[in-house]
N, C-alpha and C. Protein backbone atom coordinates (compact mmCIF):
# COMPACT_ATOMS: atom_id res chain seq x y z
N MET A 1 89.47 74.59 187.54
CA MET A 1 89.04 75.79 186.94
C MET A 1 90.17 76.77 186.72
N PHE A 2 91.24 76.46 187.27
CA PHE A 2 92.40 77.30 187.04
C PHE A 2 93.11 76.83 185.77
N VAL A 3 93.64 77.78 185.02
CA VAL A 3 94.35 77.46 183.77
C VAL A 3 95.83 77.55 184.07
N SER A 4 96.54 76.54 183.60
CA SER A 4 97.99 76.56 183.83
C SER A 4 98.66 77.50 182.84
N ALA A 5 99.91 77.83 183.11
CA ALA A 5 100.67 78.76 182.27
C ALA A 5 100.89 78.18 180.89
N GLU A 6 101.07 76.87 180.79
CA GLU A 6 101.30 76.22 179.51
C GLU A 6 100.05 76.30 178.64
N GLU A 7 98.90 76.07 179.22
CA GLU A 7 97.66 76.13 178.47
C GLU A 7 97.34 77.57 178.05
N GLU A 8 97.67 78.51 178.90
CA GLU A 8 97.42 79.92 178.59
C GLU A 8 98.26 80.37 177.40
N THR A 9 99.50 79.96 177.34
CA THR A 9 100.39 80.29 176.22
C THR A 9 99.86 79.68 174.92
N HIS A 10 99.38 78.45 175.02
CA HIS A 10 98.86 77.77 173.84
C HIS A 10 97.62 78.51 173.31
N VAL A 11 96.75 78.94 174.17
CA VAL A 11 95.54 79.65 173.77
C VAL A 11 95.89 81.01 173.19
N SER A 12 96.79 81.73 173.82
CA SER A 12 97.15 83.05 173.31
C SER A 12 97.85 82.94 171.96
N THR A 13 98.64 81.90 171.76
CA THR A 13 99.29 81.68 170.47
C THR A 13 98.24 81.43 169.39
N MET A 14 97.23 80.64 169.71
CA MET A 14 96.17 80.35 168.75
C MET A 14 95.38 81.62 168.41
N VAL A 15 95.16 82.47 169.39
CA VAL A 15 94.44 83.72 169.16
C VAL A 15 95.24 84.64 168.26
N VAL A 16 96.55 84.77 168.52
CA VAL A 16 97.41 85.63 167.70
C VAL A 16 97.47 85.10 166.27
N LEU A 17 97.65 83.79 166.11
CA LEU A 17 97.68 83.21 164.76
C LEU A 17 96.34 83.39 164.05
N GLY A 18 95.25 83.30 164.79
CA GLY A 18 93.93 83.53 164.20
C GLY A 18 93.78 84.97 163.72
N PHE A 19 94.24 85.93 164.53
CA PHE A 19 94.19 87.34 164.12
C PHE A 19 95.06 87.59 162.88
N ILE A 20 96.26 87.03 162.87
CA ILE A 20 97.16 87.22 161.72
C ILE A 20 96.56 86.58 160.46
N GLY A 21 96.04 85.36 160.61
CA GLY A 21 95.41 84.69 159.46
C GLY A 21 94.21 85.46 158.96
N GLY A 22 93.37 85.96 159.89
CA GLY A 22 92.20 86.74 159.50
C GLY A 22 92.60 88.04 158.81
N ALA A 23 93.65 88.69 159.33
CA ALA A 23 94.12 89.93 158.72
C ALA A 23 94.64 89.68 157.31
N LEU A 24 95.37 88.59 157.11
CA LEU A 24 95.88 88.27 155.77
C LEU A 24 94.73 87.97 154.81
N LEU A 25 93.72 87.26 155.29
CA LEU A 25 92.57 86.98 154.44
C LEU A 25 91.83 88.26 154.07
N LEU A 26 91.63 89.14 155.04
CA LEU A 26 90.96 90.41 154.75
C LEU A 26 91.78 91.27 153.80
N TYR A 27 93.10 91.30 153.99
CA TYR A 27 93.96 92.07 153.10
C TYR A 27 93.88 91.51 151.67
N GLY A 28 93.96 90.19 151.55
CA GLY A 28 93.87 89.55 150.23
C GLY A 28 92.54 89.82 149.56
N PHE A 29 91.44 89.74 150.36
CA PHE A 29 90.12 90.03 149.80
C PHE A 29 90.02 91.49 149.36
N GLY A 30 90.53 92.41 150.16
CA GLY A 30 90.48 93.83 149.81
C GLY A 30 91.31 94.13 148.56
N TYR A 31 92.47 93.49 148.46
CA TYR A 31 93.33 93.68 147.28
C TYR A 31 92.62 93.15 146.03
N ALA A 32 92.06 91.97 146.13
CA ALA A 32 91.35 91.38 144.98
C ALA A 32 90.15 92.24 144.59
N ARG A 33 89.44 92.80 145.57
CA ARG A 33 88.30 93.65 145.29
C ARG A 33 88.74 94.94 144.58
N ALA A 34 89.87 95.52 145.02
CA ALA A 34 90.39 96.74 144.37
C ALA A 34 90.81 96.44 142.94
N VAL A 35 91.44 95.29 142.71
CA VAL A 35 91.85 94.92 141.34
C VAL A 35 90.61 94.73 140.47
N MET A 36 89.59 94.10 141.02
CA MET A 36 88.35 93.87 140.26
C MET A 36 87.69 95.20 139.89
N HIS A 37 87.63 96.14 140.84
CA HIS A 37 87.02 97.44 140.54
C HIS A 37 87.83 98.21 139.51
N ARG A 38 89.15 98.14 139.60
CA ARG A 38 90.00 98.84 138.63
C ARG A 38 89.82 98.23 137.24
N ALA A 39 89.75 96.91 137.17
CA ALA A 39 89.56 96.25 135.87
C ALA A 39 88.20 96.62 135.29
N ASN A 40 87.19 96.69 136.12
CA ASN A 40 85.86 97.05 135.65
C ASN A 40 85.84 98.49 135.14
N LYS A 41 86.51 99.38 135.85
CA LYS A 41 86.58 100.78 135.42
C LYS A 41 87.33 100.90 134.09
N ASP A 42 88.46 100.19 133.97
CA ASP A 42 89.22 100.21 132.71
C ASP A 42 88.39 99.64 131.56
N TYR A 43 87.65 98.58 131.84
CA TYR A 43 86.81 97.97 130.81
C TYR A 43 85.76 98.97 130.32
N LYS A 44 85.09 99.64 131.27
CA LYS A 44 84.05 100.60 130.89
C LYS A 44 84.64 101.79 130.13
N THR A 45 85.82 102.25 130.54
CA THR A 45 86.47 103.37 129.86
C THR A 45 86.85 102.98 128.43
N THR A 46 87.40 101.79 128.27
CA THR A 46 87.80 101.32 126.94
C THR A 46 86.59 101.09 126.06
N LYS A 47 85.54 100.52 126.64
CA LYS A 47 84.32 100.27 125.86
C LYS A 47 83.70 101.57 125.39
N ALA A 48 83.74 102.61 126.24
CA ALA A 48 83.19 103.90 125.85
C ALA A 48 84.04 104.57 124.77
N ALA A 49 85.36 104.33 124.80
CA ALA A 49 86.27 104.97 123.84
C ALA A 49 86.38 104.20 122.54
N LEU A 50 85.85 102.99 122.48
CA LEU A 50 86.05 102.13 121.31
C LEU A 50 85.53 102.72 120.00
N PRO A 51 84.34 103.32 119.94
CA PRO A 51 83.91 103.89 118.65
C PRO A 51 84.88 104.96 118.11
N GLY A 52 85.39 105.80 118.99
CA GLY A 52 86.35 106.81 118.54
C GLY A 52 87.65 106.20 118.09
N LEU A 53 88.11 105.18 118.81
CA LEU A 53 89.35 104.50 118.42
C LEU A 53 89.18 103.78 117.08
N ARG A 54 88.02 103.16 116.90
CA ARG A 54 87.76 102.45 115.65
C ARG A 54 87.71 103.43 114.48
N LYS A 55 87.07 104.59 114.70
CA LYS A 55 86.99 105.61 113.65
C LYS A 55 88.38 106.13 113.30
N GLY A 56 89.21 106.36 114.31
CA GLY A 56 90.58 106.81 114.07
C GLY A 56 91.39 105.78 113.30
N PHE A 57 91.20 104.49 113.64
CA PHE A 57 91.92 103.43 112.92
C PHE A 57 91.55 103.42 111.45
N TRP A 58 90.24 103.44 111.16
CA TRP A 58 89.83 103.36 109.76
C TRP A 58 90.21 104.60 108.97
N SER A 59 90.18 105.77 109.60
CA SER A 59 90.59 106.98 108.86
C SER A 59 92.09 106.91 108.55
N SER A 60 92.88 106.43 109.50
CA SER A 60 94.32 106.27 109.24
C SER A 60 94.57 105.22 108.16
N TRP A 61 93.81 104.13 108.20
CA TRP A 61 93.95 103.07 107.21
C TRP A 61 93.67 103.60 105.81
N TRP A 62 92.56 104.32 105.64
CA TRP A 62 92.22 104.80 104.30
C TRP A 62 93.16 105.91 103.85
N ARG A 63 93.70 106.69 104.77
CA ARG A 63 94.70 107.68 104.41
C ARG A 63 95.95 106.98 103.86
N ALA A 64 96.35 105.89 104.50
CA ALA A 64 97.52 105.14 104.03
C ALA A 64 97.25 104.48 102.68
N VAL A 65 96.04 103.94 102.49
CA VAL A 65 95.69 103.32 101.20
C VAL A 65 95.70 104.36 100.09
N LYS A 66 95.16 105.54 100.36
CA LYS A 66 95.16 106.60 99.34
C LYS A 66 96.57 107.04 99.00
N ALA A 67 97.43 107.16 100.02
CA ALA A 67 98.82 107.56 99.76
C ALA A 67 99.54 106.49 98.95
N ALA A 68 99.30 105.21 99.25
CA ALA A 68 99.93 104.13 98.49
C ALA A 68 99.43 104.11 97.05
N PHE A 69 98.14 104.34 96.86
CA PHE A 69 97.59 104.37 95.51
C PHE A 69 98.15 105.53 94.71
N LEU A 70 98.27 106.70 95.35
CA LEU A 70 98.85 107.86 94.68
C LEU A 70 100.31 107.59 94.31
N GLY A 71 101.06 106.98 95.22
CA GLY A 71 102.45 106.62 94.92
C GLY A 71 102.55 105.63 93.78
N LEU A 72 101.63 104.67 93.74
CA LEU A 72 101.60 103.70 92.65
C LEU A 72 101.29 104.37 91.32
N LEU A 73 100.37 105.30 91.31
CA LEU A 73 100.06 106.03 90.08
C LEU A 73 101.25 106.84 89.58
N ILE A 74 101.93 107.51 90.51
CA ILE A 74 103.11 108.30 90.13
C ILE A 74 104.20 107.38 89.58
N PHE A 75 104.41 106.23 90.23
CA PHE A 75 105.41 105.28 89.76
C PHE A 75 105.06 104.76 88.37
N ALA A 76 103.78 104.42 88.14
CA ALA A 76 103.35 103.92 86.84
C ALA A 76 103.52 104.99 85.76
N ALA A 77 103.19 106.24 86.09
CA ALA A 77 103.34 107.33 85.11
C ALA A 77 104.81 107.53 84.75
N LEU A 78 105.68 107.47 85.74
CA LEU A 78 107.11 107.62 85.45
C LEU A 78 107.65 106.46 84.61
N MET A 79 107.17 105.25 84.87
CA MET A 79 107.62 104.10 84.08
C MET A 79 107.16 104.22 82.62
N VAL A 80 105.90 104.62 82.42
CA VAL A 80 105.39 104.79 81.06
C VAL A 80 106.16 105.89 80.35
N TRP A 81 106.42 106.97 81.04
CA TRP A 81 107.17 108.08 80.44
C TRP A 81 108.57 107.63 80.05
N MET A 82 109.24 106.86 80.92
CA MET A 82 110.58 106.40 80.63
C MET A 82 110.59 105.45 79.43
N VAL A 83 109.63 104.53 79.36
CA VAL A 83 109.58 103.57 78.25
C VAL A 83 109.30 104.28 76.94
N ARG A 84 108.38 105.24 76.94
CA ARG A 84 108.06 105.97 75.71
C ARG A 84 109.24 106.82 75.26
N GLU A 85 109.97 107.39 76.22
CA GLU A 85 111.12 108.22 75.86
C GLU A 85 112.22 107.37 75.23
N VAL A 86 112.44 106.18 75.75
CA VAL A 86 113.46 105.30 75.18
C VAL A 86 113.04 104.81 73.80
N ARG A 87 111.76 104.51 73.64
CA ARG A 87 111.27 104.02 72.36
C ARG A 87 111.30 105.09 71.28
N ASP A 88 111.02 106.33 71.63
CA ASP A 88 110.97 107.42 70.65
C ASP A 88 112.28 108.17 70.53
N ASP A 89 113.34 107.68 71.14
CA ASP A 89 114.62 108.40 71.16
C ASP A 89 115.25 108.37 69.77
N PRO A 90 115.57 109.54 69.17
CA PRO A 90 116.21 109.55 67.85
C PRO A 90 117.66 109.09 67.90
N ALA A 91 118.21 108.98 69.08
CA ALA A 91 119.60 108.52 69.18
C ALA A 91 119.73 107.06 68.77
N ASP A 92 118.61 106.32 68.83
CA ASP A 92 118.66 104.91 68.42
C ASP A 92 118.94 104.78 66.92
N ALA A 93 118.52 105.77 66.15
CA ALA A 93 118.76 105.71 64.70
C ALA A 93 120.26 105.87 64.40
N LYS A 94 120.98 106.54 65.24
CA LYS A 94 122.41 106.75 65.01
C LYS A 94 123.24 105.54 65.42
N THR A 95 122.68 104.64 66.11
CA THR A 95 123.48 103.50 66.56
C THR A 95 123.71 102.50 65.43
N ASN A 96 122.83 102.48 64.43
CA ASN A 96 123.01 101.58 63.30
C ASN A 96 123.15 102.42 62.01
N PRO A 97 124.31 103.01 61.80
CA PRO A 97 124.45 103.86 60.61
C PRO A 97 124.56 103.03 59.34
N SER A 98 124.16 103.64 58.25
CA SER A 98 124.32 102.98 56.96
C SER A 98 125.74 103.25 56.46
N PRO A 99 126.31 102.36 55.63
CA PRO A 99 127.69 102.56 55.17
C PRO A 99 127.78 103.75 54.20
N SER A 100 128.84 104.48 54.37
CA SER A 100 129.05 105.61 53.46
C SER A 100 130.08 105.20 52.41
N PRO A 101 130.03 105.84 51.28
CA PRO A 101 130.99 105.47 50.24
C PRO A 101 132.41 105.88 50.64
N SER A 102 133.35 105.03 50.38
CA SER A 102 134.74 105.34 50.73
C SER A 102 135.44 105.95 49.53
N VAL A 103 136.41 106.74 49.84
CA VAL A 103 137.19 107.36 48.78
C VAL A 103 138.29 106.37 48.37
N SER A 104 138.37 106.12 47.05
CA SER A 104 139.39 105.18 46.60
C SER A 104 140.50 105.95 45.87
N ARG A 105 141.66 105.52 46.02
CA ARG A 105 142.80 106.14 45.31
C ARG A 105 142.95 105.49 43.94
N SER A 106 143.32 106.27 43.09
CA SER A 106 143.57 105.71 41.77
C SER A 106 145.03 105.23 41.72
N HIS A 107 145.23 104.13 41.07
CA HIS A 107 146.57 103.57 41.01
C HIS A 107 147.30 104.11 39.78
N ARG A 108 148.50 104.49 39.91
CA ARG A 108 149.24 105.06 38.80
C ARG A 108 150.33 104.18 38.36
């Protein structure tokens, strides 16, 4: 009924390792539970904010489309103006002059 010193050390070592293992398991479980709660909170926050985010995205999208369309209209108007100005330019008539009569000397 007496326990030897060797057996007592073996039992105490097993108890200490059991406490350390249990503490690590509890710490891991607590950490995983905290991560799960944080993820759930983030999910609910994002889900609640989604309609506002979606509305902001589409308003920005249509603002960009309108700006691009306006820029395209301005570009097209400038191109038409440039082409009409070149076509109606009176300077083009001077590039192909008709021959003028030359002065001839009389031979004596």
